[in-house]
Amino acid sequence: MISRQNKLNDPGSVFDRPRDVLDAPGLSVGQKRQILRQWKQEVVLRLVAEDENMSGSPANADRLRQISNALIALEAS
């Protein structure tokens, strides 16, 4: 079983897509929000590093969009 702390510390290793966080059973809305915000922060940091000419992945911008959409969906529910 994956601990709550693992979900918070490294959401990308636990969830395939941000939408999976929304569908995860046993998590409160607050926990889902916290996980998505942590994931968003990690992706933003990667994007900043890419902007500073460090190697990165073009998928990070898409992942950021997915996370933002999941946060909007969570707030709308």
PDB file of N, CA and C in Angstrom:
ATOM      1  N   MET A   1       0.840  -1.184   0.000  1.00  0.00           N
ATOM      2  CA  MET A   1       0.000   0.000   0.000  1.00  0.00           C
ATOM      3  C   MET A   1       0.887   1.250   0.000  1.00  0.00           C
ATOM      4  N   ILE A   2       0.486   2.223  -0.749  1.00  0.00           N
ATOM      5  CA  ILE A   2       1.242   3.468  -0.866  1.00  0.00           C
ATOM      6  C   ILE A   2       0.797   4.424   0.240  1.00  0.00           C
ATOM      7  N   SER A   3       1.751   4.931   0.977  1.00  0.00           N
ATOM      8  CA  SER A   3       1.416   5.804   2.099  1.00  0.00           C
ATOM      9  C   SER A   3       0.993   7.188   1.612  1.00  0.00           C
ATOM     10  N   ARG A   4       0.266   7.863   2.463  1.00  0.00           N
ATOM     11  CA  ARG A   4      -0.149   9.239   2.173  1.00  0.00           C
ATOM     12  C   ARG A   4       1.069  10.123   1.982  1.00  0.00           C
ATOM     13  N   GLN A   5       2.110   9.875   2.766  1.00  0.00           N
ATOM     14  CA  GLN A   5       3.323  10.690   2.662  1.00  0.00           C
ATOM     15  C   GLN A   5       3.982  10.523   1.294  1.00  0.00           C
ATOM     16  N   ASN A   6       4.008   9.293   0.768  1.00  0.00           N
ATOM     17  CA  ASN A   6       4.569   9.073  -0.569  1.00  0.00           C
ATOM     18  C   ASN A   6       3.760   9.820  -1.618  1.00  0.00           C
ATOM     19  N   LYS A   7       2.447   9.840  -1.457  1.00  0.00           N
ATOM     20  CA  LYS A   7       1.589  10.543  -2.405  1.00  0.00           C
ATOM     21  C   LYS A   7       1.892  12.036  -2.394  1.00  0.00           C
ATOM     22  N   LEU A   8       2.211  12.555  -1.227  1.00  0.00           N
ATOM     23  CA  LEU A   8       2.515  13.981  -1.105  1.00  0.00           C
ATOM     24  C   LEU A   8       3.928  14.316  -1.569  1.00  0.00           C
ATOM     25  N   ASN A   9       4.876  13.472  -1.237  1.00  0.00           N
ATOM     26  CA  ASN A   9       6.272  13.763  -1.542  1.00  0.00           C
ATOM     27  C   ASN A   9       6.611  13.618  -3.016  1.00  0.00           C
ATOM     28  N   ASP A  10       5.979  12.672  -3.691  1.00  0.00           N
ATOM     29  CA  ASP A  10       6.311  12.421  -5.092  1.00  0.00           C
ATOM     30  C   ASP A  10       5.075  11.934  -5.842  1.00  0.00           C
ATOM     31  N   PRO A  11       4.111  12.822  -6.056  1.00  0.00           N
ATOM     32  CA  PRO A  11       2.860  12.412  -6.698  1.00  0.00           C
ATOM     33  C   PRO A  11       3.061  11.772  -8.070  1.00  0.00           C
ATOM     34  N   GLY A  12       4.060  12.231  -8.821  1.00  0.00           N
ATOM     35  CA  GLY A  12       4.303  11.696 -10.149  1.00  0.00           C
ATOM     36  C   GLY A  12       4.733  10.245 -10.155  1.00  0.00           C
ATOM     37  N   SER A  13       5.265   9.760  -9.045  1.00  0.00           N
ATOM     38  CA  SER A  13       5.661   8.355  -8.968  1.00  0.00           C
ATOM     39  C   SER A  13       4.502   7.467  -8.513  1.00  0.00           C
ATOM     40  N   VAL A  14       3.461   8.089  -7.990  1.00  0.00           N
ATOM     41  CA  VAL A  14       2.322   7.335  -7.467  1.00  0.00           C
ATOM     42  C   VAL A  14       1.156   7.346  -8.453  1.00  0.00           C
ATOM     43  N   PHE A  15       0.949   8.482  -9.102  1.00  0.00           N
ATOM     44  CA  PHE A  15      -0.183   8.651 -10.018  1.00  0.00           C
ATOM     45  C   PHE A  15       0.341   8.824 -11.444  1.00  0.00           C
ATOM     46  N   ASP A  16      -0.328   8.178 -12.400  1.00  0.00           N
ATOM     47  CA  ASP A  16       0.059   8.320 -13.808  1.00  0.00           C
ATOM     48  C   ASP A  16      -0.358   9.664 -14.372  1.00  0.00           C
ATOM     49  N   ARG A  17      -1.542  10.105 -13.991  1.00  0.00           N
ATOM     50  CA  ARG A  17      -2.108  11.359 -14.516  1.00  0.00           C
ATOM     51  C   ARG A  17      -2.714  12.145 -13.362  1.00  0.00           C
ATOM     52  N   PRO A  18      -2.748  13.448 -13.461  1.00  0.00           N
ATOM     53  CA  PRO A  18      -3.390  14.246 -12.417  1.00  0.00           C
ATOM     54  C   PRO A  18      -4.857  13.847 -12.199  1.00  0.00           C
ATOM     55  N   ARG A  19      -5.525  13.454 -13.260  1.00  0.00           N
ATOM     56  CA  ARG A  19      -6.925  13.019 -13.139  1.00  0.00           C
ATOM     57  C   ARG A  19      -7.053  11.820 -12.190  1.00  0.00           C
ATOM     58  N   ASP A  20      -6.006  10.998 -12.119  1.00  0.00           N
ATOM     59  CA  ASP A  20      -6.021   9.835 -11.229  1.00  0.00           C
ATOM     60  C   ASP A  20      -6.115  10.254  -9.765  1.00  0.00           C
ATOM     61  N   VAL A  21      -5.583  11.417  -9.446  1.00  0.00           N
ATOM     62  CA  VAL A  21      -5.687  11.917  -8.070  1.00  0.00           C
ATOM     63  C   VAL A  21      -7.158  12.163  -7.735  1.00  0.00           C
ATOM     64  N   LEU A  22      -7.894  12.740  -8.679  1.00  0.00           N
ATOM     65  CA  LEU A  22      -9.309  13.020  -8.453  1.00  0.00           C
ATOM     66  C   LEU A  22     -10.102  11.746  -8.243  1.00  0.00           C
ATOM     67  N   ASP A  23      -9.698  10.672  -8.918  1.00  0.00           N
ATOM     68  CA  ASP A  23     -10.421   9.405  -8.841  1.00  0.00           C
ATOM     69  C   ASP A  23      -9.929   8.496  -7.720  1.00  0.00           C
ATOM     70  N   ALA A  24      -8.899   8.904  -7.001  1.00  0.00           N
ATOM     71  CA  ALA A  24      -8.309   8.066  -5.964  1.00  0.00           C
ATOM     72  C   ALA A  24      -9.262   7.904  -4.778  1.00  0.00           C
ATOM     73  N   PRO A  25      -9.591   6.671  -4.452  1.00  0.00           N
ATOM     74  CA  PRO A  25     -10.464   6.446  -3.296  1.00  0.00           C
ATOM     75  C   PRO A  25      -9.710   6.678  -1.981  1.00  0.00           C
ATOM     76  N   GLY A  26     -10.424   7.061  -0.981  1.00  0.00           N
ATOM     77  CA  GLY A  26      -9.835   7.195   0.343  1.00  0.00           C
ATOM     78  C   GLY A  26      -9.104   8.498   0.600  1.00  0.00           C
ATOM     79  N   LEU A  27      -9.136   9.408  -0.343  1.00  0.00           N
ATOM     80  CA  LEU A  27      -8.503  10.708  -0.129  1.00  0.00           C
ATOM     81  C   LEU A  27      -9.579  11.770   0.002  1.00  0.00           C
ATOM     82  N   SER A  28      -9.407  12.650   0.959  1.00  0.00           N
ATOM     83  CA  SER A  28     -10.355  13.754   1.115  1.00  0.00           C
ATOM     84  C   SER A  28     -10.080  14.800   0.036  1.00  0.00           C
ATOM     85  N   VAL A  29     -10.997  15.720  -0.128  1.00  0.00           N
ATOM     86  CA  VAL A  29     -10.810  16.811  -1.083  1.00  0.00           C
ATOM     87  C   VAL A  29      -9.560  17.602  -0.712  1.00  0.00           C
ATOM     88  N   GLY A  30      -9.359  17.835   0.561  1.00  0.00           N
ATOM     89  CA  GLY A  30      -8.175  18.567   1.013  1.00  0.00           C
ATOM     90  C   GLY A  30      -6.883  17.840   0.682  1.00  0.00           C
ATOM     91  N   GLN A  31      -6.872  16.525   0.848  1.00  0.00           N
ATOM     92  CA  GLN A  31      -5.679  15.747   0.522  1.00  0.00           C
ATOM     93  C   GLN A  31      -5.416  15.767  -0.983  1.00  0.00           C
ATOM     94  N   LYS A  32      -6.474  15.646  -1.768  1.00  0.00           N
ATOM     95  CA  LYS A  32      -6.323  15.698  -3.225  1.00  0.00           C
ATOM     96  C   LYS A  32      -5.775  17.053  -3.646  1.00  0.00           C
ATOM     97  N   ARG A  33      -6.289  18.108  -3.060  1.00  0.00           N
ATOM     98  CA  ARG A  33      -5.816  19.459  -3.355  1.00  0.00           C
ATOM     99  C   ARG A  33      -4.330  19.580  -3.009  1.00  0.00           C
ATOM    100  N   GLN A  34      -3.954  19.076  -1.849  1.00  0.00           N
ATOM    101  CA  GLN A  34      -2.570  19.156  -1.398  1.00  0.00           C
ATOM    102  C   GLN A  34      -1.643  18.373  -2.331  1.00  0.00           C
ATOM    103  N   ILE A  35      -2.059  17.197  -2.753  1.00  0.00           N
ATOM    104  CA  ILE A  35      -1.258  16.382  -3.669  1.00  0.00           C
ATOM    105  C   ILE A  35      -1.086  17.094  -5.006  1.00  0.00           C
ATOM    106  N   LEU A  36      -2.186  17.622  -5.550  1.00  0.00           N
ATOM    107  CA  LEU A  36      -2.111  18.313  -6.836  1.00  0.00           C
ATOM    108  C   LEU A  36      -1.251  19.575  -6.750  1.00  0.00           C
ATOM    109  N   ARG A  37      -1.357  20.296  -5.656  1.00  0.00           N
ATOM    110  CA  ARG A  37      -0.540  21.505  -5.493  1.00  0.00           C
ATOM    111  C   ARG A  37       0.943  21.165  -5.395  1.00  0.00           C
ATOM    112  N   GLN A  38       1.259  20.081  -4.678  1.00  0.00           N
ATOM    113  CA  GLN A  38       2.656  19.640  -4.579  1.00  0.00           C
ATOM    114  C   GLN A  38       3.178  19.243  -5.953  1.00  0.00           C
ATOM    115  N   TRP A  39       2.382  18.498  -6.678  1.00  0.00           N
ATOM    116  CA  TRP A  39       2.772  18.062  -8.022  1.00  0.00           C
ATOM    117  C   TRP A  39       2.984  19.273  -8.928  1.00  0.00           C
ATOM    118  N   LYS A  40       2.065  20.241  -8.826  1.00  0.00           N
ATOM    119  CA  LYS A  40       2.181  21.454  -9.637  1.00  0.00           C
ATOM    120  C   LYS A  40       3.475  22.189  -9.322  1.00  0.00           C
ATOM    121  N   GLN A  41       3.806  22.294  -8.060  1.00  0.00           N
ATOM    122  CA  GLN A  41       5.036  22.973  -7.657  1.00  0.00           C
ATOM    123  C   GLN A  41       6.258  22.275  -8.250  1.00  0.00           C
ATOM    124  N   GLU A  42       6.270  20.950  -8.238  1.00  0.00           N
ATOM    125  CA  GLU A  42       7.390  20.201  -8.800  1.00  0.00           C
ATOM    126  C   GLU A  42       7.532  20.463 -10.300  1.00  0.00           C
ATOM    127  N   VAL A  43       6.409  20.473 -11.005  1.00  0.00           N
ATOM    128  CA  VAL A  43       6.448  20.694 -12.450  1.00  0.00           C
ATOM    129  C   VAL A  43       6.886  22.123 -12.765  1.00  0.00           C
ATOM    130  N   VAL A  44       6.400  23.084 -12.002  1.00  0.00           N
ATOM    131  CA  VAL A  44       6.801  24.475 -12.216  1.00  0.00           C
ATOM    132  C   VAL A  44       8.316  24.616 -12.026  1.00  0.00           C
ATOM    133  N   LEU A  45       8.855  23.970 -11.012  1.00  0.00           N
ATOM    134  CA  LEU A  45      10.305  24.025 -10.787  1.00  0.00           C
ATOM    135  C   LEU A  45      11.070  23.422 -11.963  1.00  0.00           C
ATOM    136  N   ARG A  46      10.541  22.333 -12.530  1.00  0.00           N
ATOM    137  CA  ARG A  46      11.176  21.733 -13.706  1.00  0.00           C
ATOM    138  C   ARG A  46      11.131  22.694 -14.893  1.00  0.00           C
ATOM    139  N   LEU A  47       9.996  23.367 -15.062  1.00  0.00           N
ATOM    140  CA  LEU A  47       9.862  24.322 -16.163  1.00  0.00           C
ATOM    141  C   LEU A  47      10.826  25.499 -16.007  1.00  0.00           C
ATOM    142  N   VAL A  48      11.012  25.955 -14.788  1.00  0.00           N
ATOM    143  CA  VAL A  48      11.968  27.034 -14.525  1.00  0.00           C
ATOM    144  C   VAL A  48      13.378  26.559 -14.872  1.00  0.00           C
ATOM    145  N   ALA A  49      13.703  25.344 -14.481  1.00  0.00           N
ATOM    146  CA  ALA A  49      15.027  24.800 -14.792  1.00  0.00           C
ATOM    147  C   ALA A  49      15.215  24.701 -16.302  1.00  0.00           C
ATOM    148  N   GLU A  50      14.176  24.271 -17.010  1.00  0.00           N
ATOM    149  CA  GLU A  50      14.256  24.188 -18.467  1.00  0.00           C
ATOM    150  C   GLU A  50      14.478  25.572 -19.067  1.00  0.00           C
ATOM    151  N   ASP A  51      13.806  26.550 -18.504  1.00  0.00           N
ATOM    152  CA  ASP A  51      13.936  27.913 -19.001  1.00  0.00           C
ATOM    153  C   ASP A  51      15.359  28.445 -18.799  1.00  0.00           C
ATOM    154  N   GLU A  52      16.041  27.902 -17.816  1.00  0.00           N
ATOM    155  CA  GLU A  52      17.417  28.300 -17.536  1.00  0.00           C
ATOM    156  C   GLU A  52      18.406  27.399 -18.274  1.00  0.00           C
ATOM    157  N   ASN A  53      17.926  26.782 -19.364  1.00  0.00           N
ATOM    158  CA  ASN A  53      18.741  25.956 -20.250  1.00  0.00           C
ATOM    159  C   ASN A  53      19.220  24.652 -19.639  1.00  0.00           C
ATOM    160  N   MET A  54      18.521  24.151 -18.657  1.00  0.00           N
ATOM    161  CA  MET A  54      18.828  22.827 -18.151  1.00  0.00           C
ATOM    162  C   MET A  54      17.967  21.847 -18.933  1.00  0.00           C
ATOM    163  N   SER A  55      18.406  20.615 -19.016  1.00  0.00           N
ATOM    164  CA  SER A  55      17.647  19.640 -19.796  1.00  0.00           C
ATOM    165  C   SER A  55      16.291  19.396 -19.153  1.00  0.00           C
ATOM    166  N   GLY A  56      15.317  19.159 -19.991  1.00  0.00           N
ATOM    167  CA  GLY A  56      13.971  18.932 -19.502  1.00  0.00           C
ATOM    168  C   GLY A  56      13.151  18.183 -20.522  1.00  0.00           C
ATOM    169  N   SER A  57      11.877  18.114 -20.262  1.00  0.00           N
ATOM    170  CA  SER A  57      10.973  17.387 -21.136  1.00  0.00           C
ATOM    171  C   SER A  57       9.859  18.312 -21.612  1.00  0.00           C
ATOM    172  N   PRO A  58       9.526  18.249 -22.898  1.00  0.00           N
ATOM    173  CA  PRO A  58       8.420  19.077 -23.386  1.00  0.00           C
ATOM    174  C   PRO A  58       7.084  18.665 -22.779  1.00  0.00           C
ATOM    175  N   ALA A  59       7.050  17.497 -22.180  1.00  0.00           N
ATOM    176  CA  ALA A  59       5.815  17.020 -21.559  1.00  0.00           C
ATOM    177  C   ALA A  59       5.480  17.791 -20.288  1.00  0.00           C
ATOM    178  N   ASN A  60       6.443  18.527 -19.729  1.00  0.00           N
ATOM    179  CA  ASN A  60       6.186  19.242 -18.476  1.00  0.00           C
ATOM    180  C   ASN A  60       5.111  20.315 -18.630  1.00  0.00           C
ATOM    181  N   ALA A  61       5.108  21.024 -19.736  1.00  0.00           N
ATOM    182  CA  ALA A  61       4.080  22.049 -19.948  1.00  0.00           C
ATOM    183  C   ALA A  61       2.702  21.414 -20.037  1.00  0.00           C
ATOM    184  N   ASP A  62       2.617  20.277 -20.713  1.00  0.00           N
ATOM    185  CA  ASP A  62       1.339  19.573 -20.809  1.00  0.00           C
ATOM    186  C   ASP A  62       0.909  19.057 -19.437  1.00  0.00           C
ATOM    187  N   ARG A  63       1.859  18.552 -18.656  1.00  0.00           N
ATOM    188  CA  ARG A  63       1.544  18.046 -17.318  1.00  0.00           C
ATOM    189  C   ARG A  63       1.026  19.187 -16.441  1.00  0.00           C
ATOM    190  N   LEU A  64       1.622  20.351 -16.560  1.00  0.00           N
ATOM    191  CA  LEU A  64       1.176  21.508 -15.780  1.00  0.00           C
ATOM    192  C   LEU A  64      -0.272  21.850 -16.134  1.00  0.00           C
ATOM    193  N   ARG A  65      -0.590  21.804 -17.418  1.00  0.00           N
ATOM    194  CA  ARG A  65      -1.966  22.068 -17.860  1.00  0.00           C
ATOM    195  C   ARG A  65      -2.921  21.033 -17.281  1.00  0.00           C
ATOM    196  N   GLN A  66      -2.528  19.763 -17.292  1.00  0.00           N
ATOM    197  CA  GLN A  66      -3.371  18.703 -16.740  1.00  0.00           C
ATOM    198  C   GLN A  66      -3.606  18.895 -15.242  1.00  0.00           C
ATOM    199  N   ILE A  67      -2.564  19.260 -14.530  1.00  0.00           N
ATOM    200  CA  ILE A  67      -2.685  19.480 -13.081  1.00  0.00           C
ATOM    201  C   ILE A  67      -3.606  20.666 -12.812  1.00  0.00           C
ATOM    202  N   SER A  68      -3.421  21.742 -13.558  1.00  0.00           N
ATOM    203  CA  SER A  68      -4.276  22.924 -13.381  1.00  0.00           C
ATOM    204  C   SER A  68      -5.732  22.584 -13.655  1.00  0.00           C
ATOM    205  N   ASN A  69      -5.980  21.801 -14.697  1.00  0.00           N
ATOM    206  CA  ASN A  69      -7.350  21.384 -15.000  1.00  0.00           C
ATOM    207  C   ASN A  69      -7.927  20.497 -13.903  1.00  0.00           C
ATOM    208  N   ALA A  70      -7.112  19.629 -13.331  1.00  0.00           N
ATOM    209  CA  ALA A  70      -7.585  18.777 -12.239  1.00  0.00           C
ATOM    210  C   ALA A  70      -7.913  19.608 -11.006  1.00  0.00           C
ATOM    211  N   LEU A  71      -7.111  20.612 -10.712  1.00  0.00           N
ATOM    212  CA  LEU A  71      -7.410  21.498  -9.580  1.00  0.00           C
ATOM    213  C   LEU A  71      -8.714  22.265  -9.813  1.00  0.00           C
ATOM    214  N   ILE A  72      -8.927  22.721 -11.033  1.00  0.00           N
ATOM    215  CA  ILE A  72     -10.190  23.429 -11.357  1.00  0.00           C
ATOM    216  C   ILE A  72     -11.360  22.488 -11.189  1.00  0.00           C
ATOM    217  N   ALA A  73     -11.229  21.259 -11.675  1.00  0.00           N
ATOM    218  CA  ALA A  73     -12.311  20.272 -11.549  1.00  0.00           C
ATOM    219  C   ALA A  73     -12.588  19.949 -10.081  1.00  0.00           C
ATOM    220  N   LEU A  74     -11.537  19.873  -9.290  1.00  0.00           N
ATOM    221  CA  LEU A  74     -11.708  19.586  -7.861  1.00  0.00           C
ATOM    222  C   LEU A  74     -12.462  20.702  -7.166  1.00  0.00           C
ATOM    223  N   GLU A  75     -12.129  21.923  -7.483  1.00  0.00           N
ATOM    224  CA  GLU A  75     -12.814  23.069  -6.867  1.00  0.00           C
ATOM    225  C   GLU A  75     -14.262  23.183  -7.330  1.00  0.00           C
ATOM    226  N   ALA A  76     -14.548  22.725  -8.541  1.00  0.00           N
ATOM    227  CA  ALA A  76     -15.900  22.807  -9.083  1.00  0.00           C
ATOM    228  C   ALA A  76     -16.833  21.739  -8.520  1.00  0.00           C
ATOM    229  N   SER A  77     -16.244  20.690  -7.947  1.00  0.00           N
ATOM    230  CA  SER A  77     -17.078  19.585  -7.448  1.00  0.00           C
ATOM    231  C   SER A  77     -17.609  19.820  -6.057  1.00  0.00           C
TER     232      SER A  77
END
